Amino acid sequence: MANKDSFSPQEWETLEKSPFWVFTAVAAADGNIDKKEQKAFKRALQNYTEFHNDLTREILQSAGTSFDEDADYDLSKMEDYLKNVNSILESKVSAEDSLIFKKTMIAIGIHIGNSSGGIFSSKFSDEEVEALKGVGMILGITENQLSQSPSIKELINNMNK
């Protein structure tokens, strides 16, 4: 079972920041990170105990202690960053733990995208959908994998407890 001690400090920092990259990719996709999106992200991090995967819980807990609302992630670096996340996971973590963590990142993106929008407008903008598709492609997640247990819906429900 992989945990923080399984990674170098640099690798752990990379994994710890991956939720922020997903947050920024989705929340900033429409050009505006709003308070509802920040609140949804905070809630996802705060509910880390609801996830049934030790590595995911540990990363989300660690990320929650370092969340900075004013941090500015350069989206032009996101692809390389998430490729590095994928590489670390593939080399140091079981396939099952890796997939659960990647699916959790997608679930966080969906949770954030669904948090904003108006009463008469779509909660999830086209730009947010495209950003999330890009995250999934970079992390190497297939549609088939997204349908495996735990489901994305189950992961999102963990964030809402």
Protein backbone atom coordinates (compact mmCIF):
# COMPACT_ATOMS: atom_id res chain seq x y z
CA MET A 1 0.00 0.00 0.00
CA ALA A 2 1.46 3.31 -1.09
CA ASN A 3 1.49 6.24 1.30
CA LYS A 4 3.44 9.49 1.68
CA ASP A 5 6.59 7.56 2.71
CA SER A 6 6.52 5.74 -0.65
CA PHE A 7 7.38 8.95 -2.50
CA SER A 8 10.20 11.44 -2.57
CA PRO A 9 9.30 14.88 -1.16
CA GLN A 10 9.14 16.26 -4.72
CA GLU A 11 6.87 13.41 -5.89
CA TRP A 12 4.58 13.91 -2.90
CA GLU A 13 4.34 17.64 -3.57
CA THR A 14 3.41 16.87 -7.16
CA LEU A 15 0.66 14.48 -6.07
CA GLU A 16 -0.52 16.89 -3.38
CA LYS A 17 -0.94 19.70 -5.92
CA SER A 18 -2.84 17.61 -8.47
CA PRO A 19 -6.27 18.49 -6.98
CA PHE A 20 -5.38 22.19 -7.32
CA TRP A 21 -4.54 21.71 -10.99
CA VAL A 22 -7.87 19.99 -11.60
CA PHE A 23 -9.67 22.72 -9.67
CA THR A 24 -7.94 25.45 -11.66
CA ALA A 25 -8.46 23.69 -15.01
CA VAL A 26 -12.21 23.38 -14.48
CA ALA A 27 -12.95 26.50 -12.43
CA ALA A 28 -10.92 28.83 -14.67
CA ALA A 29 -12.08 27.25 -17.94
CA ASP A 30 -14.86 29.81 -18.34
CA GLY A 31 -12.55 32.67 -17.39
CA ASN A 32 -13.87 33.15 -13.87
CA ILE A 33 -13.22 31.24 -10.65
CA ASP A 34 -16.18 32.04 -8.46
CA LYS A 35 -16.84 31.59 -4.74
CA LYS A 36 -19.19 28.63 -5.33
CA GLU A 37 -16.40 26.75 -7.11
CA GLN A 38 -13.93 27.54 -4.33
CA LYS A 39 -16.45 26.40 -1.73
CA ALA A 40 -17.09 23.14 -3.62
CA PHE A 41 -13.36 22.47 -3.84
CA LYS A 42 -12.86 23.16 -0.13
CA ARG A 43 -15.72 20.80 0.67
CA ALA A 44 -14.15 18.05 -1.44
CA LEU A 45 -10.85 18.43 0.41
CA GLN A 46 -12.49 18.67 3.83
CA ASN A 47 -14.41 15.45 3.26
CA TYR A 48 -11.25 13.44 2.59
CA THR A 49 -12.25 10.95 5.31
CA GLU A 50 -15.24 9.86 3.21
CA PHE A 51 -13.03 8.33 0.52
CA HIS A 52 -12.37 4.62 0.82
CA ASN A 53 -8.84 4.64 -0.58
CA ASP A 54 -5.95 5.31 1.80
CA LEU A 55 -3.70 7.05 -0.73
CA THR A 56 -6.50 9.29 -1.97
CA ARG A 57 -7.45 10.23 1.60
CA GLU A 58 -3.86 11.03 2.49
CA ILE A 59 -3.30 13.19 -0.59
CA LEU A 60 -6.59 15.08 -0.15
CA GLN A 61 -5.91 15.64 3.55
CA SER A 62 -2.45 16.97 2.77
CA ALA A 63 -3.79 19.14 -0.07
CA GLY A 64 -6.49 20.53 2.23
CA THR A 65 -3.92 21.90 4.63
CA SER A 66 -2.17 23.83 1.87
CA PHE A 67 -5.16 25.24 -0.08
CA ASP A 68 -4.56 28.87 -0.96
CA GLU A 69 -7.52 30.65 -2.55
CA ASP A 70 -5.17 33.20 -4.07
CA ALA A 71 -2.74 30.71 -5.63
CA ASP A 72 -2.35 31.16 -9.34
CA TYR A 73 -1.62 28.04 -11.38
CA ASP A 74 -0.38 28.66 -14.90
CA LEU A 75 -2.69 26.52 -17.04
CA SER A 76 -0.10 26.39 -19.82
CA LYS A 77 1.88 24.07 -17.51
CA MET A 78 -1.05 21.85 -16.55
CA GLU A 79 -0.51 19.18 -19.18
CA ASP A 80 3.12 18.59 -18.24
CA TYR A 81 2.24 18.67 -14.57
CA LEU A 82 -0.56 16.10 -14.86
CA LYS A 83 1.61 13.90 -17.09
CA ASN A 84 4.12 13.90 -14.25
CA VAL A 85 1.34 12.94 -11.80
CA ASN A 86 0.39 10.08 -14.10
CA SER A 87 4.01 8.94 -14.35
CA ILE A 88 4.46 8.93 -10.57
CA LEU A 89 1.25 6.99 -10.06
CA GLU A 90 2.08 4.45 -12.76
CA SER A 91 5.56 3.81 -11.35
CA LYS A 92 4.86 3.75 -7.60
CA VAL A 93 1.23 2.84 -7.00
CA SER A 94 -0.90 -0.22 -7.68
CA ALA A 95 -3.12 -0.03 -10.74
CA GLU A 96 -6.21 -0.04 -8.50
CA ASP A 97 -5.03 2.81 -6.27
CA SER A 98 -3.86 4.79 -9.28
CA LEU A 99 -7.22 4.46 -11.02
CA ILE A 100 -9.18 5.39 -7.89
CA PHE A 101 -7.07 8.51 -7.40
CA LYS A 102 -7.44 9.54 -11.05
CA LYS A 103 -11.19 8.97 -10.92
CA THR A 104 -11.35 11.04 -7.75
CA MET A 105 -9.64 13.89 -9.62
CA ILE A 106 -12.32 13.65 -12.34
CA ALA A 107 -15.05 13.54 -9.69
CA ILE A 108 -13.61 16.67 -8.07
CA GLY A 109 -13.68 18.39 -11.46
CA ILE A 110 -17.33 17.42 -11.98
CA HIS A 111 -18.19 18.51 -8.44
CA ILE A 112 -16.61 21.91 -9.09
CA GLY A 113 -18.23 22.32 -12.50
CA ASN A 114 -21.66 21.52 -11.09
CA SER A 115 -21.30 24.02 -8.26
CA SER A 116 -21.75 27.20 -10.25
CA GLY A 117 -24.01 28.56 -12.94
CA GLY A 118 -27.35 30.24 -12.76
CA ILE A 119 -30.85 28.92 -12.31
CA PHE A 120 -31.60 29.15 -16.01
CA SER A 121 -28.16 28.28 -17.33
CA SER A 122 -26.21 25.06 -17.49
CA LYS A 123 -24.24 24.35 -14.35
CA PHE A 124 -21.41 22.85 -16.39
CA SER A 125 -20.16 25.11 -19.19
CA ASP A 126 -18.84 23.76 -22.48
CA GLU A 127 -15.42 25.10 -21.55
CA GLU A 128 -15.48 23.21 -18.24
CA VAL A 129 -16.50 20.00 -20.02
CA GLU A 130 -13.59 20.37 -22.43
CA ALA A 131 -11.16 21.14 -19.60
CA LEU A 132 -12.26 18.04 -17.72
CA LYS A 133 -12.00 15.87 -20.84
CA GLY A 134 -8.45 17.16 -21.22
CA VAL A 135 -7.62 16.26 -17.62
CA GLY A 136 -9.00 12.76 -18.14
CA MET A 137 -7.03 12.28 -21.35
CA ILE A 138 -3.78 13.45 -19.74
CA LEU A 139 -4.32 11.14 -16.79
CA GLY A 140 -5.05 8.29 -19.20
CA ILE A 141 -8.55 7.44 -17.99
CA THR A 142 -10.85 5.62 -20.38
CA GLU A 143 -14.65 5.72 -20.47
CA ASN A 144 -14.69 2.07 -19.47
CA GLN A 145 -12.58 2.82 -16.40
CA LEU A 146 -14.91 5.66 -15.41
CA SER A 147 -17.80 3.20 -15.26
CA GLN A 148 -15.96 0.79 -12.95
CA SER A 149 -16.50 0.78 -9.19
CA PRO A 150 -16.32 3.08 -7.39
CA SER A 151 -18.52 5.09 -9.70
CA ILE A 152 -18.00 8.78 -10.30
CA LYS A 153 -21.38 9.36 -8.67
CA GLU A 154 -20.25 7.55 -5.52
CA LEU A 155 -17.05 9.61 -5.42
CA ILE A 156 -18.99 12.87 -5.84
CA ASN A 157 -21.42 11.82 -3.09
CA ASN A 158 -18.39 11.48 -0.78
CA MET A 159 -17.69 15.19 -1.30
CA ASN A 160 -21.22 16.21 -0.33
CA LYS A 161 -21.39 14.52 3.07
